[in-house]
Structure formats: C-alpha cells, structure tokens
C-alpha cells in the first residue's frame, strides 16, 4: 500500500460561505464530504483528513538563519490555496485517482493527487 496526499484546491479569496455560492450549497458539500470520509474509513483507505483555516491566518516560519523569521500570511501570493486534504492508503495510483474523483465530487473542488516519497 502507498500513502497519497489528496489536496483540495480552492480560491484564495473566500466569500461568506467559503468557496460555495450559498449556505445550502455549503451544507450539501459538507454532508457529501462527511459521507465520503465515512466511506474511506469503512473501506480501509482512511489515514487522516482535515480542512484548513483561511490562508490569511497562516504564518511562514524561516528557521534557516540564526533566529527564526516569522511572516504573517501565506507563503505564496496566489489565486488558489489548499483548503483541505485527505491522506489515504491505497494499493495503487489508479485507486487513489478514483478516490480523488469521488472526493472532488463530494467537496465540489479540484483535488491534486501525490504519493508520499519513498513509501511505495
């Protein structure tokens, strides 16, 4: 089995309901994502998952110098950010891609699939 990071990308600028057009759409996506999470757990793919706070709450830490430098805000200026993620354990890339498609449909966002280095 190989572990994969399925990262959900969305707009950096969020509206009242995040990246969703309405409160109802947000609630439907959250319910569908919860059902997808339950399925991942029941089918044995689940390792960990989570949603992230807005990129504006980030702090970048650069500890390469004598003293760490802390900078408020995201590392990159970009139009899209990672809004959440799943870490799954899948037998191969095809299964990871199929699960990413299901997760994308559930959360209504695009999902990037990447294997962890050296794990398979």
PDB file of N, CA and C in Angstrom:
ATOM      1  N   UNK A   1       0.850  -1.186   0.000  1.00  0.00           N
ATOM      2  CA  UNK A   1       0.000   0.000   0.000  1.00  0.00           C
ATOM      3  C   UNK A   1       0.893   1.245   0.000  1.00  0.00           C
ATOM      4  N   UNK A   2       0.414   2.273  -0.657  1.00  0.00           N
ATOM      5  CA  UNK A   2       1.111   3.550  -0.740  1.00  0.00           C
ATOM      6  C   UNK A   2       0.221   4.629  -0.152  1.00  0.00           C
ATOM      7  N   UNK A   3       0.829   5.558   0.563  1.00  0.00           N
ATOM      8  CA  UNK A   3       0.064   6.683   1.079  1.00  0.00           C
ATOM      9  C   UNK A   3       0.096   7.815   0.060  1.00  0.00           C
ATOM     10  N   UNK A   4      -1.062   8.449  -0.115  1.00  0.00           N
ATOM     11  CA  UNK A   4      -1.227   9.561  -1.043  1.00  0.00           C
ATOM     12  C   UNK A   4      -1.810  10.746  -0.305  1.00  0.00           C
ATOM     13  N   UNK A   5      -1.377  11.928  -0.724  1.00  0.00           N
ATOM     14  CA  UNK A   5      -1.975  13.177  -0.265  1.00  0.00           C
ATOM     15  C   UNK A   5      -2.956  13.621  -1.338  1.00  0.00           C
ATOM     16  N   UNK A   6      -4.208  13.764  -0.963  1.00  0.00           N
ATOM     17  CA  UNK A   6      -5.239  14.306  -1.852  1.00  0.00           C
ATOM     18  C   UNK A   6      -5.524  15.708  -1.333  1.00  0.00           C
ATOM     19  N   UNK A   7      -5.010  16.725  -2.006  1.00  0.00           N
ATOM     20  CA  UNK A   7      -5.177  18.094  -1.527  1.00  0.00           C
ATOM     21  C   UNK A   7      -6.257  18.801  -2.334  1.00  0.00           C
ATOM     22  N   UNK A   8      -7.153  19.450  -1.612  1.00  0.00           N
ATOM     23  CA  UNK A   8      -8.283  20.163  -2.203  1.00  0.00           C
ATOM     24  C   UNK A   8      -7.880  21.610  -2.419  1.00  0.00           C
ATOM     25  N   UNK A   9      -7.981  22.066  -3.657  1.00  0.00           N
ATOM     26  CA  UNK A   9      -7.615  23.433  -4.004  1.00  0.00           C
ATOM     27  C   UNK A   9      -8.872  24.271  -4.193  1.00  0.00           C
ATOM     28  N   UNK A  10      -8.794  25.511  -3.770  1.00  0.00           N
ATOM     29  CA  UNK A  10      -9.908  26.425  -3.924  1.00  0.00           C
ATOM     30  C   UNK A  10      -9.414  27.851  -3.982  1.00  0.00           C
ATOM     31  N   UNK A  11     -10.321  28.777  -4.163  1.00  0.00           N
ATOM     32  CA  UNK A  11      -9.929  30.186  -4.302  1.00  0.00           C
ATOM     33  C   UNK A  11      -9.334  30.749  -3.016  1.00  0.00           C
ATOM     34  N   UNK A  12      -8.326  31.602  -3.162  1.00  0.00           N
ATOM     35  CA  UNK A  12      -7.710  32.240  -2.003  1.00  0.00           C
ATOM     36  C   UNK A  12      -8.682  33.217  -1.343  1.00  0.00           C
ATOM     37  N   UNK A  13      -9.471  33.884  -2.157  1.00  0.00           N
ATOM     38  CA  UNK A  13     -10.463  34.826  -1.640  1.00  0.00           C
ATOM     39  C   UNK A  13     -11.772  34.089  -1.395  1.00  0.00           C
ATOM     40  N   UNK A  14     -12.238  34.091  -0.164  1.00  0.00           N
ATOM     41  CA  UNK A  14     -13.459  33.381   0.203  1.00  0.00           C
ATOM     42  C   UNK A  14     -14.593  34.357   0.463  1.00  0.00           C
ATOM     43  N   UNK A  15     -15.777  33.920   0.105  1.00  0.00           N
ATOM     44  CA  UNK A  15     -16.968  34.707   0.372  1.00  0.00           C
ATOM     45  C   UNK A  15     -17.564  34.330   1.714  1.00  0.00           C
ATOM     46  N   UNK A  16     -18.785  34.753   1.930  1.00  0.00           N
ATOM     47  CA  UNK A  16     -19.488  34.495   3.186  1.00  0.00           C
ATOM     48  C   UNK A  16     -19.598  33.005   3.484  1.00  0.00           C
ATOM     49  N   UNK A  17     -19.733  32.185   2.429  1.00  0.00           N
ATOM     50  CA  UNK A  17     -19.888  30.736   2.584  1.00  0.00           C
ATOM     51  C   UNK A  17     -18.673  29.992   2.037  1.00  0.00           C
ATOM     52  N   UNK A  18     -17.502  30.557   2.268  1.00  0.00           N
ATOM     53  CA  UNK A  18     -16.277  29.940   1.762  1.00  0.00           C
ATOM     54  C   UNK A  18     -16.245  30.019   0.251  1.00  0.00           C
ATOM     55  N   UNK A  19     -15.974  28.908  -0.396  1.00  0.00           N
ATOM     56  CA  UNK A  19     -15.937  28.884  -1.860  1.00  0.00           C
ATOM     57  C   UNK A  19     -17.289  28.511  -2.455  1.00  0.00           C
ATOM     58  N   UNK A  20     -18.305  28.391  -1.620  1.00  0.00           N
ATOM     59  CA  UNK A  20     -19.642  27.978  -2.063  1.00  0.00           C
ATOM     60  C   UNK A  20     -20.539  29.194  -2.304  1.00  0.00           C
ATOM     61  N   UNK A  21     -21.463  29.038  -3.235  1.00  0.00           N
ATOM     62  CA  UNK A  21     -22.338  30.145  -3.630  1.00  0.00           C
ATOM     63  C   UNK A  21     -23.409  30.467  -2.592  1.00  0.00           C
ATOM     64  N   UNK A  22     -23.775  29.474  -1.776  1.00  0.00           N
ATOM     65  CA  UNK A  22     -24.849  29.702  -0.806  1.00  0.00           C
ATOM     66  C   UNK A  22     -24.628  28.831   0.421  1.00  0.00           C
ATOM     67  N   UNK A  23     -25.366  29.143   1.464  1.00  0.00           N
ATOM     68  CA  UNK A  23     -25.308  28.350   2.691  1.00  0.00           C
ATOM     69  C   UNK A  23     -25.775  26.926   2.418  1.00  0.00           C
ATOM     70  N   UNK A  24     -26.795  26.782   1.577  1.00  0.00           N
ATOM     71  CA  UNK A  24     -27.316  25.457   1.237  1.00  0.00           C
ATOM     72  C   UNK A  24     -26.267  24.633   0.476  1.00  0.00           C
ATOM     73  N   UNK A  25     -25.604  25.255  -0.487  1.00  0.00           N
ATOM     74  CA  UNK A  25     -24.576  24.543  -1.244  1.00  0.00           C
ATOM     75  C   UNK A  25     -23.433  24.113  -0.322  1.00  0.00           C
ATOM     76  N   UNK A  26     -23.057  24.975   0.612  1.00  0.00           N
ATOM     77  CA  UNK A  26     -22.005  24.642   1.567  1.00  0.00           C
ATOM     78  C   UNK A  26     -22.429  23.454   2.435  1.00  0.00           C
ATOM     79  N   UNK A  27     -23.663  23.483   2.943  1.00  0.00           N
ATOM     80  CA  UNK A  27     -24.161  22.394   3.778  1.00  0.00           C
ATOM     81  C   UNK A  27     -24.210  21.077   3.008  1.00  0.00           C
ATOM     82  N   UNK A  28     -24.634  21.127   1.750  1.00  0.00           N
ATOM     83  CA  UNK A  28     -24.684  19.920   0.921  1.00  0.00           C
ATOM     84  C   UNK A  28     -23.273  19.363   0.691  1.00  0.00           C
ATOM     85  N   UNK A  29     -22.310  20.226   0.413  1.00  0.00           N
ATOM     86  CA  UNK A  29     -20.933  19.785   0.196  1.00  0.00           C
ATOM     87  C   UNK A  29     -20.339  19.205   1.478  1.00  0.00           C
ATOM     88  N   UNK A  30     -20.615  19.814   2.621  1.00  0.00           N
ATOM     89  CA  UNK A  30     -20.103  19.301   3.887  1.00  0.00           C
ATOM     90  C   UNK A  30     -20.704  17.928   4.186  1.00  0.00           C
ATOM     91  N   UNK A  31     -22.001  17.763   3.917  1.00  0.00           N
ATOM     92  CA  UNK A  31     -22.644  16.462   4.141  1.00  0.00           C
ATOM     93  C   UNK A  31     -22.066  15.401   3.208  1.00  0.00           C
ATOM     94  N   UNK A  32     -21.876  15.746   1.938  1.00  0.00           N
ATOM     95  CA  UNK A  32     -21.317  14.797   0.981  1.00  0.00           C
ATOM     96  C   UNK A  32     -19.873  14.443   1.347  1.00  0.00           C
ATOM     97  N   UNK A  33     -19.115  15.426   1.814  1.00  0.00           N
ATOM     98  CA  UNK A  33     -17.738  15.169   2.218  1.00  0.00           C
ATOM     99  C   UNK A  33     -17.707  14.279   3.460  1.00  0.00           C
ATOM    100  N   UNK A  34     -18.612  14.504   4.391  1.00  0.00           N
ATOM    101  CA  UNK A  34     -18.703  13.642   5.571  1.00  0.00           C
ATOM    102  C   UNK A  34     -19.014  12.202   5.188  1.00  0.00           C
ATOM    103  N   UNK A  35     -19.931  12.022   4.232  1.00  0.00           N
ATOM    104  CA  UNK A  35     -20.263  10.673   3.756  1.00  0.00           C
ATOM    105  C   UNK A  35     -19.061  10.037   3.062  1.00  0.00           C
ATOM    106  N   UNK A  36     -18.320  10.826   2.283  1.00  0.00           N
ATOM    107  CA  UNK A  36     -17.110  10.323   1.635  1.00  0.00           C
ATOM    108  C   UNK A  36     -16.077   9.914   2.680  1.00  0.00           C
ATOM    109  N   UNK A  37     -15.895  10.729   3.715  1.00  0.00           N
ATOM    110  CA  UNK A  37     -14.969  10.382   4.795  1.00  0.00           C
ATOM    111  C   UNK A  37     -15.361   9.064   5.454  1.00  0.00           C
ATOM    112  N   UNK A  38     -16.648   8.883   5.711  1.00  0.00           N
ATOM    113  CA  UNK A  38     -17.137   7.635   6.304  1.00  0.00           C
ATOM    114  C   UNK A  38     -16.827   6.441   5.403  1.00  0.00           C
ATOM    115  N   UNK A  39     -16.986   6.617   4.094  1.00  0.00           N
ATOM    116  CA  UNK A  39     -16.711   5.557   3.125  1.00  0.00           C
ATOM    117  C   UNK A  39     -15.218   5.215   3.120  1.00  0.00           C
ATOM    118  N   UNK A  40     -14.360   6.238   3.132  1.00  0.00           N
ATOM    119  CA  UNK A  40     -12.915   5.988   3.191  1.00  0.00           C
ATOM    120  C   UNK A  40     -12.555   5.162   4.424  1.00  0.00           C
ATOM    121  N   UNK A  41     -13.167   5.501   5.549  1.00  0.00           N
ATOM    122  CA  UNK A  41     -12.885   4.771   6.782  1.00  0.00           C
ATOM    123  C   UNK A  41     -13.399   3.341   6.704  1.00  0.00           C
ATOM    124  N   UNK A  42     -14.629   3.164   6.241  1.00  0.00           N
ATOM    125  CA  UNK A  42     -15.229   1.836   6.153  1.00  0.00           C
ATOM    126  C   UNK A  42     -14.475   0.923   5.183  1.00  0.00           C
ATOM    127  N   UNK A  43     -13.938   1.512   4.108  1.00  0.00           N
ATOM    128  CA  UNK A  43     -13.240   0.722   3.088  1.00  0.00           C
ATOM    129  C   UNK A  43     -11.745   0.544   3.386  1.00  0.00           C
ATOM    130  N   UNK A  44     -11.255   1.121   4.480  1.00  0.00           N
ATOM    131  CA  UNK A  44      -9.882   0.918   4.898  1.00  0.00           C
ATOM    132  C   UNK A  44      -8.846   1.805   4.226  1.00  0.00           C
ATOM    133  N   UNK A  45      -9.268   2.883   3.563  1.00  0.00           N
ATOM    134  CA  UNK A  45      -8.336   3.793   2.896  1.00  0.00           C
ATOM    135  C   UNK A  45      -7.907   4.959   3.781  1.00  0.00           C
ATOM    136  N   UNK A  46      -8.697   5.268   4.781  1.00  0.00           N
ATOM    137  CA  UNK A  46      -8.517   6.454   5.615  1.00  0.00           C
ATOM    138  C   UNK A  46      -7.229   6.386   6.424  1.00  0.00           C
ATOM    139  N   UNK A  47      -6.440   7.461   6.398  1.00  0.00           N
ATOM    140  CA  UNK A  47      -5.332   7.651   7.323  1.00  0.00           C
ATOM    141  C   UNK A  47      -5.619   8.895   8.164  1.00  0.00           C
ATOM    142  N   UNK A  48      -5.898  10.009   7.481  1.00  0.00           N
ATOM    143  CA  UNK A  48      -6.158  11.268   8.183  1.00  0.00           C
ATOM    144  C   UNK A  48      -6.735  12.252   7.180  1.00  0.00           C
ATOM    145  N   UNK A  49      -7.512  13.213   7.657  1.00  0.00           N
ATOM    146  CA  UNK A  49      -8.038  14.269   6.793  1.00  0.00           C
ATOM    147  C   UNK A  49      -8.317  15.505   7.633  1.00  0.00           C
ATOM    148  N   UNK A  50      -8.398  16.640   6.957  1.00  0.00           N
ATOM    149  CA  UNK A  50      -8.738  17.852   7.670  1.00  0.00           C
ATOM    150  C   UNK A  50      -8.949  19.022   6.738  1.00  0.00           C
ATOM    151  N   UNK A  51      -9.745  19.956   7.195  1.00  0.00           N
ATOM    152  CA  UNK A  51      -9.929  21.219   6.499  1.00  0.00           C
ATOM    153  C   UNK A  51      -9.035  22.265   7.142  1.00  0.00           C
ATOM    154  N   UNK A  52      -8.622  23.232   6.365  1.00  0.00           N
ATOM    155  CA  UNK A  52      -7.707  24.246   6.853  1.00  0.00           C
ATOM    156  C   UNK A  52      -8.408  25.589   7.016  1.00  0.00           C
ATOM    157  N   UNK A  53      -7.942  26.369   7.973  1.00  0.00           N
ATOM    158  CA  UNK A  53      -8.409  27.741   8.120  1.00  0.00           C
ATOM    159  C   UNK A  53      -7.962  28.537   6.900  1.00  0.00           C
ATOM    160  N   UNK A  54      -8.491  29.718   6.731  1.00  0.00           N
ATOM    161  CA  UNK A  54      -8.139  30.590   5.615  1.00  0.00           C
ATOM    162  C   UNK A  54      -6.635  30.797   5.538  1.00  0.00           C
ATOM    163  N   UNK A  55      -6.104  30.893   4.319  1.00  0.00           N
ATOM    164  CA  UNK A  55      -4.667  31.126   4.129  1.00  0.00           C
ATOM    165  C   UNK A  55      -4.222  32.431   4.788  1.00  0.00           C
ATOM    166  N   UNK A  56      -5.136  33.364   4.980  1.00  0.00           N
ATOM    167  CA  UNK A  56      -4.776  34.635   5.619  1.00  0.00           C
ATOM    168  C   UNK A  56      -4.379  34.438   7.083  1.00  0.00           C
ATOM    169  N   UNK A  57      -4.698  33.293   7.677  1.00  0.00           N
ATOM    170  CA  UNK A  57      -4.335  33.023   9.066  1.00  0.00           C
ATOM    171  C   UNK A  57      -2.969  32.354   9.184  1.00  0.00           C
ATOM    172  N   UNK A  58      -2.326  32.066   8.047  1.00  0.00           N
ATOM    173  CA  UNK A  58      -1.043  31.357   8.049  1.00  0.00           C
ATOM    174  C   UNK A  58       0.090  32.232   8.572  1.00  0.00           C
ATOM    175  N   UNK A  59       1.102  31.572   9.084  1.00  0.00           N
ATOM    176  CA  UNK A  59       2.364  32.212   9.429  1.00  0.00           C
ATOM    177  C   UNK A  59       3.479  31.399   8.789  1.00  0.00           C
ATOM    178  N   UNK A  60       4.360  32.066   8.071  1.00  0.00           N
ATOM    179  CA  UNK A  60       5.506  31.415   7.447  1.00  0.00           C
ATOM    180  C   UNK A  60       6.687  31.531   8.405  1.00  0.00           C
ATOM    181  N   UNK A  61       7.356  30.406   8.664  1.00  0.00           N
ATOM    182  CA  UNK A  61       8.498  30.370   9.571  1.00  0.00           C
ATOM    183  C   UNK A  61       9.746  30.014   8.762  1.00  0.00           C
ATOM    184  N   UNK A  62      10.747  30.879   8.823  1.00  0.00           N
ATOM    185  CA  UNK A  62      12.032  30.625   8.172  1.00  0.00           C
ATOM    186  C   UNK A  62      13.086  30.500   9.262  1.00  0.00           C
ATOM    187  N   UNK A  63      13.451  29.264   9.552  1.00  0.00           N
ATOM    188  CA  UNK A  63      14.406  28.998  10.622  1.00  0.00           C
ATOM    189  C   UNK A  63      15.813  28.741  10.132  1.00  0.00           C
ATOM    190  N   UNK A  64      16.117  29.158   8.917  1.00  0.00           N
ATOM    191  CA  UNK A  64      17.449  28.883   8.359  1.00  0.00           C
ATOM    192  C   UNK A  64      18.537  29.787   8.925  1.00  0.00           C
ATOM    193  N   UNK A  65      18.167  30.910   9.457  1.00  0.00           N
ATOM    194  CA  UNK A  65      19.164  31.851   9.990  1.00  0.00           C
ATOM    195  C   UNK A  65      19.425  31.620  11.458  1.00  0.00           C
ATOM    196  N   UNK A  66      20.115  32.583  12.051  1.00  0.00           N
ATOM    197  CA  UNK A  66      20.457  32.493  13.469  1.00  0.00           C
ATOM    198  C   UNK A  66      19.210  32.533  14.347  1.00  0.00           C
ATOM    199  N   UNK A  67      18.247  33.372  13.953  1.00  0.00           N
ATOM    200  CA  UNK A  67      16.963  33.463  14.661  1.00  0.00           C
ATOM    201  C   UNK A  67      15.849  33.246  13.649  1.00  0.00           C
ATOM    202  N   UNK A  68      14.783  32.542  14.041  1.00  0.00           N
ATOM    203  CA  UNK A  68      13.675  32.334  13.106  1.00  0.00           C
ATOM    204  C   UNK A  68      13.017  33.660  12.717  1.00  0.00           C
ATOM    205  N   UNK A  69      12.606  33.744  11.452  1.00  0.00           N
ATOM    206  CA  UNK A  69      11.866  34.901  10.957  1.00  0.00           C
ATOM    207  C   UNK A  69      10.437  34.450  10.723  1.00  0.00           C
ATOM    208  N   UNK A  70       9.488  35.158  11.341  1.00  0.00           N
ATOM    209  CA  UNK A  70       8.062  34.842  11.207  1.00  0.00           C
ATOM    210  C   UNK A  70       7.405  35.907  10.353  1.00  0.00           C
ATOM    211  N   UNK A  71       6.632  35.453   9.358  1.00  0.00           N
ATOM    212  CA  UNK A  71       5.933  36.378   8.473  1.00  0.00           C
ATOM    213  C   UNK A  71       4.460  35.989   8.436  1.00  0.00           C
ATOM    214  N   UNK A  72       3.580  36.958   8.701  1.00  0.00           N
ATOM    215  CA  UNK A  72       2.141  36.688   8.632  1.00  0.00           C
ATOM    216  C   UNK A  72       1.700  36.484   7.197  1.00  0.00           C
ATOM    217  N   UNK A  73       0.724  35.605   7.033  1.00  0.00           N
ATOM    218  CA  UNK A  73       0.135  35.381   5.721  1.00  0.00           C
ATOM    219  C   UNK A  73       0.722  34.174   5.018  1.00  0.00           C
ATOM    220  N   UNK A  74       0.133  33.816   3.904  1.00  0.00           N
ATOM    221  CA  UNK A  74       0.582  32.618   3.191  1.00  0.00           C
ATOM    222  C   UNK A  74       1.978  32.797   2.599  1.00  0.00           C
ATOM    223  N   UNK A  75       2.623  31.687   2.306  1.00  0.00           N
ATOM    224  CA  UNK A  75       3.969  31.678   1.737  1.00  0.00           C
ATOM    225  C   UNK A  75       3.986  32.301   0.351  1.00  0.00           C
ATOM    226  N   UNK A  76       3.001  31.960  -0.477  1.00  0.00           N
ATOM    227  CA  UNK A  76       2.931  32.459  -1.848  1.00  0.00           C
ATOM    228  C   UNK A  76       1.723  33.361  -2.043  1.00  0.00           C
ATOM    229  N   UNK A  77       1.864  34.349  -2.891  1.00  0.00           N
ATOM    230  CA  UNK A  77       0.725  35.139  -3.336  1.00  0.00           C
ATOM    231  C   UNK A  77       0.122  34.377  -4.512  1.00  0.00           C
ATOM    232  N   UNK A  78      -1.087  33.899  -4.362  1.00  0.00           N
ATOM    233  CA  UNK A  78      -1.691  33.054  -5.384  1.00  0.00           C
ATOM    234  C   UNK A  78      -3.201  33.218  -5.392  1.00  0.00           C
ATOM    235  N   UNK A  79      -3.831  32.799  -6.460  1.00  0.00           N
ATOM    236  CA  UNK A  79      -5.288  32.872  -6.560  1.00  0.00           C
ATOM    237  C   UNK A  79      -5.958  31.636  -5.990  1.00  0.00           C
ATOM    238  N   UNK A  80      -5.203  30.522  -5.855  1.00  0.00           N
ATOM    239  CA  UNK A  80      -5.736  29.293  -5.280  1.00  0.00           C
ATOM    240  C   UNK A  80      -4.858  28.833  -4.128  1.00  0.00           C
ATOM    241  N   UNK A  81      -5.487  28.218  -3.144  1.00  0.00           N
ATOM    242  CA  UNK A  81      -4.774  27.707  -1.971  1.00  0.00           C
ATOM    243  C   UNK A  81      -5.313  26.316  -1.644  1.00  0.00           C
ATOM    244  N   UNK A  82      -4.592  25.625  -0.791  1.00  0.00           N
ATOM    245  CA  UNK A  82      -5.076  24.334  -0.300  1.00  0.00           C
ATOM    246  C   UNK A  82      -6.068  24.611   0.813  1.00  0.00           C
ATOM    247  N   UNK A  83      -7.286  24.110   0.651  1.00  0.00           N
ATOM    248  CA  UNK A  83      -8.331  24.339   1.632  1.00  0.00           C
ATOM    249  C   UNK A  83      -8.521  23.175   2.583  1.00  0.00           C
ATOM    250  N   UNK A  84      -8.040  22.007   2.186  1.00  0.00           N
ATOM    251  CA  UNK A  84      -8.175  20.815   2.999  1.00  0.00           C
ATOM    252  C   UNK A  84      -7.462  19.660   2.315  1.00  0.00           C
ATOM    253  N   UNK A  85      -7.486  18.507   2.957  1.00  0.00           N
ATOM    254  CA  UNK A  85      -6.751  17.376   2.402  1.00  0.00           C
ATOM    255  C   UNK A  85      -7.222  16.064   3.008  1.00  0.00           C
ATOM    256  N   UNK A  86      -6.895  15.000   2.315  1.00  0.00           N
ATOM    257  CA  UNK A  86      -7.004  13.649   2.845  1.00  0.00           C
ATOM    258  C   UNK A  86      -5.640  12.998   2.695  1.00  0.00           C
ATOM    259  N   UNK A  87      -5.276  12.163   3.626  1.00  0.00           N
ATOM    260  CA  UNK A  87      -4.151  11.248   3.445  1.00  0.00           C
ATOM    261  C   UNK A  87      -4.782   9.862   3.426  1.00  0.00           C
ATOM    262  N   UNK A  88      -4.554   9.149   2.326  1.00  0.00           N
ATOM    263  CA  UNK A  88      -5.150   7.829   2.162  1.00  0.00           C
ATOM    264  C   UNK A  88      -4.053   6.787   1.978  1.00  0.00           C
ATOM    265  N   UNK A  89      -4.414   5.553   2.208  1.00  0.00           N
ATOM    266  CA  UNK A  89      -3.550   4.407   1.965  1.00  0.00           C
ATOM    267  C   UNK A  89      -4.237   3.601   0.871  1.00  0.00           C
ATOM    268  N   UNK A  90      -3.651   3.560  -0.317  1.00  0.00           N
ATOM    269  CA  UNK A  90      -4.284   2.898  -1.461  1.00  0.00           C
ATOM    270  C   UNK A  90      -3.308   1.907  -2.094  1.00  0.00           C
ATOM    271  N   UNK A  91      -3.827   0.841  -2.702  1.00  0.00           N
ATOM    272  CA  UNK A  91      -2.953  -0.171  -3.294  1.00  0.00           C
ATOM    273  C   UNK A  91      -2.184   0.318  -4.516  1.00  0.00           C
ATOM    274  N   UNK A  92      -2.733   1.325  -5.225  1.00  0.00           N
ATOM    275  CA  UNK A  92      -2.046   1.836  -6.412  1.00  0.00           C
ATOM    276  C   UNK A  92      -2.610   3.208  -6.792  1.00  0.00           C
ATOM    277  N   UNK A  93      -1.963   3.826  -7.762  1.00  0.00           N
ATOM    278  CA  UNK A  93      -2.330   5.177  -8.208  1.00  0.00           C
ATOM    279  C   UNK A  93      -3.740   5.217  -8.796  1.00  0.00           C
ATOM    280  N   UNK A  94      -4.136   4.170  -9.513  1.00  0.00           N
ATOM    281  CA  UNK A  94      -5.479   4.150 -10.105  1.00  0.00           C
ATOM    282  C   UNK A  94      -6.562   4.246  -9.035  1.00  0.00           C
ATOM    283  N   UNK A  95      -6.388   3.530  -7.941  1.00  0.00           N
ATOM    284  CA  UNK A  95      -7.355   3.608  -6.839  1.00  0.00           C
ATOM    285  C   UNK A  95      -7.317   5.005  -6.229  1.00  0.00           C
ATOM    286  N   UNK A  96      -6.122   5.561  -6.041  1.00  0.00           N
ATOM    287  CA  UNK A  96      -6.004   6.915  -5.474  1.00  0.00           C
ATOM    288  C   UNK A  96      -6.714   7.931  -6.367  1.00  0.00           C
ATOM    289  N   UNK A  97      -6.557   7.799  -7.681  1.00  0.00           N
ATOM    290  CA  UNK A  97      -7.222   8.726  -8.611  1.00  0.00           C
ATOM    291  C   UNK A  97      -8.740   8.568  -8.568  1.00  0.00           C
ATOM    292  N   UNK A  98      -9.216   7.330  -8.470  1.00  0.00           N
ATOM    293  CA  UNK A  98     -10.661   7.095  -8.373  1.00  0.00           C
ATOM    294  C   UNK A  98     -11.218   7.725  -7.101  1.00  0.00           C
ATOM    295  N   UNK A  99     -10.502   7.545  -5.997  1.00  0.00           N
ATOM    296  CA  UNK A  99     -10.949   8.132  -4.726  1.00  0.00           C
ATOM    297  C   UNK A  99     -10.888   9.655  -4.775  1.00  0.00           C
ATOM    298  N   UNK A 100      -9.862  10.200  -5.423  1.00  0.00           N
ATOM    299  CA  UNK A 100      -9.769  11.658  -5.564  1.00  0.00           C
ATOM    300  C   UNK A 100     -10.952  12.204  -6.344  1.00  0.00           C
ATOM    301  N   UNK A 101     -11.377  11.477  -7.378  1.00  0.00           N
ATOM    302  CA  UNK A 101     -12.543  11.912  -8.151  1.00  0.00           C
ATOM    303  C   UNK A 101     -13.798  11.917  -7.283  1.00  0.00           C
ATOM    304  N   UNK A 102     -13.943  10.909  -6.431  1.00  0.00           N
ATOM    305  CA  UNK A 102     -15.094  10.866  -5.515  1.00  0.00           C
ATOM    306  C   UNK A 102     -15.022  12.016  -4.506  1.00  0.00           C
ATOM    307  N   UNK A 103     -13.824  12.272  -3.981  1.00  0.00           N
ATOM    308  CA  UNK A 103     -13.655  13.373  -3.038  1.00  0.00           C
ATOM    309  C   UNK A 103     -13.920  14.722  -3.682  1.00  0.00           C
ATOM    310  N   UNK A 104     -13.462  14.882  -4.923  1.00  0.00           N
ATOM    311  CA  UNK A 104     -13.700  16.116  -5.672  1.00  0.00           C
ATOM    312  C   UNK A 104     -15.190  16.365  -5.856  1.00  0.00           C
ATOM    313  N   UNK A 105     -15.899  15.311  -6.224  1.00  0.00           N
ATOM    314  CA  UNK A 105     -17.350  15.419  -6.411  1.00  0.00           C
ATOM    315  C   UNK A 105     -18.020  15.787  -5.098  1.00  0.00           C
ATOM    316  N   UNK A 106     -17.571  15.178  -3.994  1.00  0.00           N
ATOM    317  CA  UNK A 106     -18.191  15.423  -2.689  1.00  0.00           C
ATOM    318  C   UNK A 106     -17.971  16.861  -2.218  1.00  0.00           C
ATOM    319  N   UNK A 107     -16.726  17.327  -2.275  1.00  0.00           N
ATOM    320  CA  UNK A 107     -16.428  18.657  -1.720  1.00  0.00           C
ATOM    321  C   UNK A 107     -16.615  19.779  -2.728  1.00  0.00           C
ATOM    322  N   UNK A 108     -16.827  19.387  -3.993  1.00  0.00           N
ATOM    323  CA  UNK A 108     -17.052  20.358  -5.080  1.00  0.00           C
ATOM    324  C   UNK A 108     -15.833  21.239  -5.320  1.00  0.00           C
ATOM    325  N   UNK A 109     -14.661  20.614  -5.268  1.00  0.00           N
ATOM    326  CA  UNK A 109     -13.410  21.315  -5.519  1.00  0.00           C
ATOM    327  C   UNK A 109     -12.462  20.419  -6.295  1.00  0.00           C
ATOM    328  N   UNK A 110     -11.396  20.995  -6.804  1.00  0.00           N
ATOM    329  CA  UNK A 110     -10.398  20.195  -7.501  1.00  0.00           C
ATOM    330  C   UNK A 110      -9.455  19.556  -6.488  1.00  0.00           C
ATOM    331  N   UNK A 111      -8.967  18.370  -6.828  1.00  0.00           N
ATOM    332  CA  UNK A 111      -8.130  17.605  -5.916  1.00  0.00           C
ATOM    333  C   UNK A 111      -6.845  17.196  -6.632  1.00  0.00           C
ATOM    334  N   UNK A 112      -5.708  17.520  -6.037  1.00  0.00           N
ATOM    335  CA  UNK A 112      -4.402  17.099  -6.545  1.00  0.00           C
ATOM    336  C   UNK A 112      -3.997  15.813  -5.830  1.00  0.00           C
ATOM    337  N   UNK A 113      -3.450  14.844  -6.572  1.00  0.00           N
ATOM    338  CA  UNK A 113      -3.034  13.556  -6.018  1.00  0.00           C
ATOM    339  C   UNK A 113      -1.518  13.444  -6.091  1.00  0.00           C
ATOM    340  N   UNK A 114      -0.894  13.177  -4.944  1.00  0.00           N
ATOM    341  CA  UNK A 114       0.555  12.986  -4.910  1.00  0.00           C
ATOM    342  C   UNK A 114       0.891  11.884  -3.929  1.00  0.00           C
ATOM    343  N   UNK A 115       1.746  10.954  -4.359  1.00  0.00           N
ATOM    344  CA  UNK A 115       2.228   9.902  -3.468  1.00  0.00           C
ATOM    345  C   UNK A 115       3.300  10.477  -2.551  1.00  0.00           C
ATOM    346  N   UNK A 116       3.394   9.940  -1.360  1.00  0.00           N
ATOM    347  CA  UNK A 116       4.470  10.312  -0.464  1.00  0.00           C
ATOM    348  C   UNK A 116       5.757   9.657  -0.969  1.00  0.00           C
ATOM    349  N   UNK A 117       6.844  10.365  -0.932  1.00  0.00           N
ATOM    350  CA  UNK A 117       8.129   9.881  -1.431  1.00  0.00           C
ATOM    351  C   UNK A 117       8.627   8.714  -0.576  1.00  0.00           C
ATOM    352  N   UNK A 118       9.138   7.699  -1.251  1.00  0.00           N
ATOM    353  CA  UNK A 118       9.774   6.598  -0.564  1.00  0.00           C
ATOM    354  C   UNK A 118       8.846   5.629   0.142  1.00  0.00           C
ATOM    355  N   UNK A 119       7.562   5.737  -0.128  1.00  0.00           N
ATOM    356  CA  UNK A 119       6.617   4.841   0.540  1.00  0.00           C
ATOM    357  C   UNK A 119       6.007   3.827  -0.425  1.00  0.00           C
ATOM    358  N   UNK A 120       6.549   3.659  -1.545  1.00  0.00           N
ATOM    359  CA  UNK A 120       5.974   2.653  -2.417  1.00  0.00           C
ATOM    360  C   UNK A 120       6.339   2.765  -3.785  1.00  0.00           C
TER     361      UNK A 120
END
